[in-house]
């Protein structure tokens, strides 16, 4: 089962997962993407971000990191690599 949990680390749910994949982009790109959303302001963005675990900490805790700042093709290649590794790990776990 794959779960998408935006506040995974903030809620402590990371401790209950078999593996954690973090999708990451540099702060400047993250800010640009979020501020392009309708109704988003710099103040709202900073308020949201102040309640989140910093990206550097999420990356350190993750089993896998997918970089999203080098284009869609690069991100898709990483997703495929991570998916293959997760399938391999699941297969090994079923054999034990």
Protein backbone atom coordinates (compact mmCIF):
# COMPACT_ATOMS: atom_id res chain seq x y z
CA UNK A 1 0.00 0.00 0.00
CA UNK A 2 1.22 3.49 -0.83
CA UNK A 3 0.09 6.43 1.27
CA UNK A 4 0.45 10.15 0.51
CA UNK A 5 0.70 11.86 3.90
CA UNK A 6 1.66 15.56 3.63
CA UNK A 7 2.45 15.93 7.36
CA UNK A 8 4.03 12.50 7.80
CA UNK A 9 6.96 13.59 9.97
CA UNK A 10 4.99 16.23 11.85
CA UNK A 11 2.47 13.60 13.00
CA UNK A 12 5.06 10.91 13.76
CA UNK A 13 3.52 8.54 11.22
CA UNK A 14 6.92 8.01 9.59
CA UNK A 15 7.70 5.56 12.40
CA UNK A 16 4.89 3.27 11.21
CA UNK A 17 5.99 3.10 7.57
CA UNK A 18 8.05 0.37 5.92
CA UNK A 19 9.73 3.01 3.73
CA UNK A 20 9.46 6.76 3.27
CA UNK A 21 9.84 8.59 -0.04
CA UNK A 22 10.28 12.37 0.11
CA UNK A 23 9.63 14.53 -2.93
CA UNK A 24 11.89 17.56 -2.72
CA UNK A 25 12.77 20.79 -4.47
CA UNK A 26 15.02 23.68 -3.44
CA UNK A 27 13.34 26.36 -1.32
CA UNK A 28 13.24 28.88 -4.18
CA UNK A 29 11.44 26.48 -6.51
CA UNK A 30 9.08 25.31 -3.77
CA UNK A 31 8.21 28.93 -2.99
CA UNK A 32 7.65 29.77 -6.66
CA UNK A 33 5.37 26.74 -7.16
CA UNK A 34 3.30 27.39 -4.05
CA UNK A 35 2.92 31.11 -4.70
CA UNK A 36 1.58 30.37 -8.19
CA UNK A 37 -1.49 28.69 -6.65
CA UNK A 38 -4.72 30.72 -6.61
CA UNK A 39 -5.23 32.58 -3.36
CA UNK A 40 -1.74 31.87 -2.02
CA UNK A 41 0.21 34.75 -0.53
CA UNK A 42 3.77 34.95 0.80
CA UNK A 43 2.33 35.26 4.31
CA UNK A 44 0.20 32.12 3.95
CA UNK A 45 3.14 30.26 2.48
CA UNK A 46 5.42 31.20 5.38
CA UNK A 47 2.73 30.29 7.93
CA UNK A 48 2.36 26.84 6.35
CA UNK A 49 6.09 26.30 6.09
CA UNK A 50 6.69 27.34 9.70
CA UNK A 51 4.58 24.37 10.84
CA UNK A 52 6.44 21.85 8.69
CA UNK A 53 9.59 19.87 9.33
CA UNK A 54 12.38 21.54 7.30
CA UNK A 55 13.11 19.88 3.95
CA UNK A 56 16.69 19.11 4.98
CA UNK A 57 15.38 17.10 7.94
CA UNK A 58 12.79 15.27 5.82
CA UNK A 59 15.50 14.32 3.34
CA UNK A 60 17.71 13.02 6.15
CA UNK A 61 14.89 10.84 7.53
CA UNK A 62 13.74 9.51 4.14
CA UNK A 63 14.64 6.16 2.67
CA UNK A 64 14.38 7.66 -0.81
CA UNK A 65 14.40 11.24 -2.13
CA UNK A 66 12.94 12.28 -5.46
CA UNK A 67 14.33 15.56 -6.77
CA UNK A 68 11.79 17.63 -8.71
CA UNK A 69 13.92 20.57 -9.78
CA UNK A 70 15.51 19.01 -12.86
CA UNK A 71 12.41 18.52 -14.98
CA UNK A 72 9.65 15.98 -15.33
CA UNK A 73 11.74 13.38 -17.19
CA UNK A 74 14.36 13.37 -14.43
CA UNK A 75 11.68 13.05 -11.72
CA UNK A 76 9.95 10.22 -13.61
CA UNK A 77 13.24 8.34 -13.92
CA UNK A 78 13.70 8.61 -10.16
CA UNK A 79 10.12 7.49 -9.48
CA UNK A 80 10.66 4.41 -11.64
CA UNK A 81 13.93 3.62 -9.84
CA UNK A 82 12.33 3.98 -6.42
CA UNK A 83 9.29 1.92 -7.46
CA UNK A 84 11.54 -0.88 -8.71
CA UNK A 85 13.51 -0.86 -5.45
CA UNK A 86 10.33 -0.91 -3.36
CA UNK A 87 9.00 -3.85 -5.40
CA UNK A 88 12.29 -5.66 -4.84
CA UNK A 89 12.18 -5.01 -1.09
CA UNK A 90 8.54 -6.14 -0.89
CA UNK A 91 9.38 -9.31 -2.76
CA UNK A 92 12.25 -10.06 -0.37
CA UNK A 93 9.99 -9.41 2.62
CA UNK A 94 7.37 -11.85 1.30
CA UNK A 95 10.04 -14.58 0.96
CA UNK A 96 11.15 -14.26 4.58
